[in-house]
């Protein structure tokens, strides 16, 4: 799976979960600051990532994922 494919899937998850169009999701988008995500929203996002990509993200790793790009990089490194 290419980085662009992963980004597309992550963008779709974000658009379903937050009030933003998938085509407006960029690597630099900060999940907490730009999307006003609280801890529950972040955890739900992480759970959706785990389901979509069949990977497990530890709580410690999830706390380090602040941007969409960081989420995509994490998934690419753990596929």
N, C-alpha and C. Protein backbone atom coordinates (compact mmCIF):
# COMPACT_ATOMS: atom_id res chain seq x y z
N UNK A 1 0.84 -1.18 0.00
CA UNK A 1 0.00 0.00 0.00
C UNK A 1 0.89 1.25 0.00
N UNK A 2 0.57 2.19 -0.85
CA UNK A 2 1.38 3.40 -0.95
C UNK A 2 0.99 4.40 0.14
N UNK A 3 1.87 5.38 0.34
CA UNK A 3 1.59 6.41 1.33
C UNK A 3 0.33 7.19 0.95
N UNK A 4 0.14 7.43 -0.35
CA UNK A 4 -1.03 8.15 -0.81
C UNK A 4 -2.32 7.38 -0.52
N UNK A 5 -2.26 6.05 -0.68
CA UNK A 5 -3.44 5.23 -0.38
C UNK A 5 -3.77 5.28 1.11
N UNK A 6 -2.72 5.21 1.93
CA UNK A 6 -2.93 5.28 3.38
C UNK A 6 -3.51 6.65 3.75
N UNK A 7 -2.93 7.71 3.19
CA UNK A 7 -3.42 9.07 3.46
C UNK A 7 -4.89 9.19 3.05
N UNK A 8 -5.26 8.63 1.92
CA UNK A 8 -6.65 8.68 1.47
C UNK A 8 -7.60 8.01 2.44
N UNK A 9 -7.18 6.85 2.96
CA UNK A 9 -8.02 6.14 3.93
C UNK A 9 -8.11 6.90 5.24
N UNK A 10 -6.99 7.45 5.68
CA UNK A 10 -6.98 8.25 6.92
C UNK A 10 -7.86 9.48 6.75
N UNK A 11 -7.77 10.14 5.59
CA UNK A 11 -8.59 11.32 5.32
C UNK A 11 -10.07 10.97 5.34
N UNK A 12 -10.42 9.81 4.82
CA UNK A 12 -11.82 9.38 4.82
C UNK A 12 -12.30 9.15 6.25
N UNK A 13 -11.47 8.52 7.07
CA UNK A 13 -11.83 8.31 8.47
C UNK A 13 -12.04 9.65 9.17
N UNK A 14 -11.13 10.59 8.94
CA UNK A 14 -11.23 11.90 9.57
C UNK A 14 -12.49 12.62 9.10
N UNK A 15 -12.79 12.56 7.81
CA UNK A 15 -13.98 13.26 7.31
C UNK A 15 -15.26 12.65 7.86
N UNK A 16 -15.26 11.35 8.12
CA UNK A 16 -16.43 10.70 8.70
C UNK A 16 -16.58 11.04 10.19
N UNK A 17 -15.46 11.32 10.81
CA UNK A 17 -15.43 11.50 12.26
C UNK A 17 -15.50 12.96 12.69
N UNK A 18 -14.94 13.84 11.86
CA UNK A 18 -14.89 15.26 12.18
C UNK A 18 -15.55 16.04 11.05
N UNK A 19 -15.83 17.29 11.29
CA UNK A 19 -16.54 18.13 10.31
C UNK A 19 -15.55 18.75 9.32
N UNK A 20 -15.02 17.90 8.43
CA UNK A 20 -14.08 18.37 7.41
C UNK A 20 -14.18 17.44 6.20
N UNK A 21 -14.03 18.03 5.03
CA UNK A 21 -14.06 17.23 3.79
C UNK A 21 -12.74 16.49 3.63
N UNK A 22 -12.79 15.27 3.13
CA UNK A 22 -11.59 14.44 2.98
C UNK A 22 -10.53 15.13 2.13
N UNK A 23 -10.96 15.87 1.09
CA UNK A 23 -9.98 16.51 0.21
C UNK A 23 -9.26 17.68 0.90
N UNK A 24 -9.76 18.13 2.05
CA UNK A 24 -9.11 19.20 2.80
C UNK A 24 -8.16 18.69 3.87
N UNK A 25 -8.04 17.38 3.99
CA UNK A 25 -7.14 16.78 4.99
C UNK A 25 -5.74 16.74 4.41
N UNK A 26 -4.79 17.32 5.13
CA UNK A 26 -3.38 17.33 4.70
C UNK A 26 -2.50 16.71 5.78
N UNK A 27 -1.26 16.42 5.40
CA UNK A 27 -0.29 15.86 6.36
C UNK A 27 -0.09 16.76 7.57
N UNK A 28 -0.17 18.07 7.35
CA UNK A 28 0.13 19.02 8.42
C UNK A 28 -1.04 19.25 9.37
N UNK A 29 -2.21 18.73 9.04
CA UNK A 29 -3.39 18.95 9.87
C UNK A 29 -3.17 18.38 11.27
N UNK A 30 -3.31 19.24 12.28
CA UNK A 30 -3.13 18.81 13.67
C UNK A 30 -4.47 18.30 14.19
N UNK A 31 -4.47 17.06 14.64
CA UNK A 31 -5.72 16.41 15.02
C UNK A 31 -6.40 17.12 16.19
N UNK A 32 -5.64 17.46 17.21
CA UNK A 32 -6.24 18.11 18.38
C UNK A 32 -6.53 19.59 18.13
N UNK A 33 -5.57 20.31 17.58
CA UNK A 33 -5.72 21.76 17.43
C UNK A 33 -6.63 22.14 16.27
N UNK A 34 -6.38 21.58 15.09
CA UNK A 34 -7.14 21.98 13.90
C UNK A 34 -8.54 21.38 13.86
N UNK A 35 -8.72 20.21 14.46
CA UNK A 35 -10.02 19.54 14.43
C UNK A 35 -10.77 19.68 15.75
N UNK A 36 -10.14 20.36 16.72
CA UNK A 36 -10.73 20.52 18.06
C UNK A 36 -11.13 19.19 18.67
N UNK A 37 -10.29 18.19 18.49
CA UNK A 37 -10.58 16.84 18.97
C UNK A 37 -10.26 16.74 20.46
N UNK A 38 -11.21 16.20 21.21
CA UNK A 38 -10.94 15.93 22.62
C UNK A 38 -10.37 14.52 22.74
N UNK A 39 -10.04 14.12 23.96
CA UNK A 39 -9.38 12.82 24.15
C UNK A 39 -10.26 11.66 23.70
N UNK A 40 -11.56 11.77 23.85
CA UNK A 40 -12.46 10.70 23.42
C UNK A 40 -12.48 10.61 21.90
N UNK A 41 -12.54 11.75 21.23
CA UNK A 41 -12.52 11.76 19.76
C UNK A 41 -11.22 11.18 19.22
N UNK A 42 -10.11 11.52 19.87
CA UNK A 42 -8.81 11.00 19.44
C UNK A 42 -8.79 9.48 19.61
N UNK A 43 -9.30 8.98 20.74
CA UNK A 43 -9.29 7.54 20.98
C UNK A 43 -10.18 6.82 19.96
N UNK A 44 -11.34 7.40 19.63
CA UNK A 44 -12.21 6.80 18.62
C UNK A 44 -11.51 6.78 17.26
N UNK A 45 -10.80 7.86 16.94
CA UNK A 45 -10.04 7.93 15.69
C UNK A 45 -8.99 6.83 15.65
N UNK A 46 -8.26 6.66 16.74
CA UNK A 46 -7.22 5.62 16.81
C UNK A 46 -7.84 4.23 16.65
N UNK A 47 -8.98 3.99 17.28
CA UNK A 47 -9.66 2.69 17.14
C UNK A 47 -10.08 2.44 15.70
N UNK A 48 -10.54 3.48 15.02
CA UNK A 48 -10.91 3.33 13.61
C UNK A 48 -9.69 3.04 12.75
N UNK A 49 -8.57 3.69 13.07
CA UNK A 49 -7.33 3.39 12.34
C UNK A 49 -6.94 1.93 12.52
N UNK A 50 -7.03 1.44 13.76
CA UNK A 50 -6.69 0.04 14.04
C UNK A 50 -7.57 -0.90 13.24
N UNK A 51 -8.87 -0.62 13.20
CA UNK A 51 -9.80 -1.47 12.46
C UNK A 51 -9.52 -1.43 10.96
N UNK A 52 -9.31 -0.24 10.43
CA UNK A 52 -9.10 -0.07 8.99
C UNK A 52 -7.83 -0.74 8.50
N UNK A 53 -6.76 -0.63 9.29
CA UNK A 53 -5.46 -1.11 8.83
C UNK A 53 -5.01 -2.40 9.50
N UNK A 54 -5.82 -2.95 10.39
CA UNK A 54 -5.49 -4.22 11.01
C UNK A 54 -4.21 -4.17 11.83
N UNK A 55 -3.98 -3.05 12.49
CA UNK A 55 -2.80 -2.89 13.32
C UNK A 55 -3.23 -2.47 14.70
N UNK A 56 -2.34 -2.62 15.67
CA UNK A 56 -2.63 -2.18 17.02
C UNK A 56 -1.74 -1.00 17.36
N UNK A 57 -2.33 0.03 17.92
CA UNK A 57 -1.61 1.25 18.27
C UNK A 57 -1.66 1.38 19.79
N UNK A 58 -0.50 1.32 20.42
CA UNK A 58 -0.47 1.41 21.88
C UNK A 58 -0.90 2.81 22.33
N UNK A 59 -1.33 2.91 23.58
CA UNK A 59 -1.73 4.22 24.11
C UNK A 59 -0.57 5.21 24.06
N UNK A 60 0.63 4.72 24.34
CA UNK A 60 1.81 5.58 24.31
C UNK A 60 2.06 6.10 22.90
N UNK A 61 1.94 5.22 21.91
CA UNK A 61 2.13 5.64 20.52
C UNK A 61 1.02 6.59 20.09
N UNK A 62 -0.21 6.31 20.50
CA UNK A 62 -1.34 7.16 20.11
C UNK A 62 -1.15 8.59 20.62
N UNK A 63 -0.59 8.73 21.80
CA UNK A 63 -0.35 10.06 22.36
C UNK A 63 0.66 10.85 21.54
N UNK A 64 1.55 10.16 20.83
CA UNK A 64 2.57 10.82 20.02
C UNK A 64 2.07 11.24 18.64
N UNK A 65 0.92 10.72 18.25
CA UNK A 65 0.37 11.04 16.93
C UNK A 65 -0.43 12.33 17.04
N UNK A 66 0.18 13.42 16.58
CA UNK A 66 -0.47 14.72 16.68
C UNK A 66 -1.00 15.23 15.35
N UNK A 67 -0.41 14.80 14.25
CA UNK A 67 -0.83 15.27 12.94
C UNK A 67 -1.27 14.10 12.06
N UNK A 68 -1.96 14.42 10.99
CA UNK A 68 -2.36 13.40 10.03
C UNK A 68 -1.12 12.71 9.46
N UNK A 69 -0.09 13.50 9.14
CA UNK A 69 1.15 12.93 8.62
C UNK A 69 1.78 11.94 9.58
N UNK A 70 1.74 12.24 10.87
CA UNK A 70 2.29 11.32 11.87
C UNK A 70 1.49 10.03 11.92
N UNK A 71 0.18 10.14 11.76
CA UNK A 71 -0.67 8.94 11.74
C UNK A 71 -0.35 8.08 10.51
N UNK A 72 -0.21 8.73 9.37
CA UNK A 72 0.10 8.01 8.12
C UNK A 72 1.48 7.35 8.25
N UNK A 73 2.47 8.08 8.76
CA UNK A 73 3.81 7.51 8.93
C UNK A 73 3.78 6.31 9.87
N UNK A 74 3.04 6.43 10.96
CA UNK A 74 2.95 5.32 11.92
C UNK A 74 2.37 4.08 11.22
N UNK A 75 1.29 4.27 10.49
CA UNK A 75 0.66 3.14 9.80
C UNK A 75 1.60 2.54 8.77
N UNK A 76 2.27 3.38 8.00
CA UNK A 76 3.21 2.88 6.99
C UNK A 76 4.32 2.05 7.64
N UNK A 77 4.77 2.43 8.81
CA UNK A 77 5.84 1.72 9.51
C UNK A 77 5.35 0.45 10.20
N UNK A 78 4.04 0.28 10.33
CA UNK A 78 3.51 -0.87 11.06
C UNK A 78 2.60 -1.77 10.23
N UNK A 79 2.59 -1.58 8.92
CA UNK A 79 1.80 -2.45 8.06
C UNK A 79 2.48 -3.79 7.88
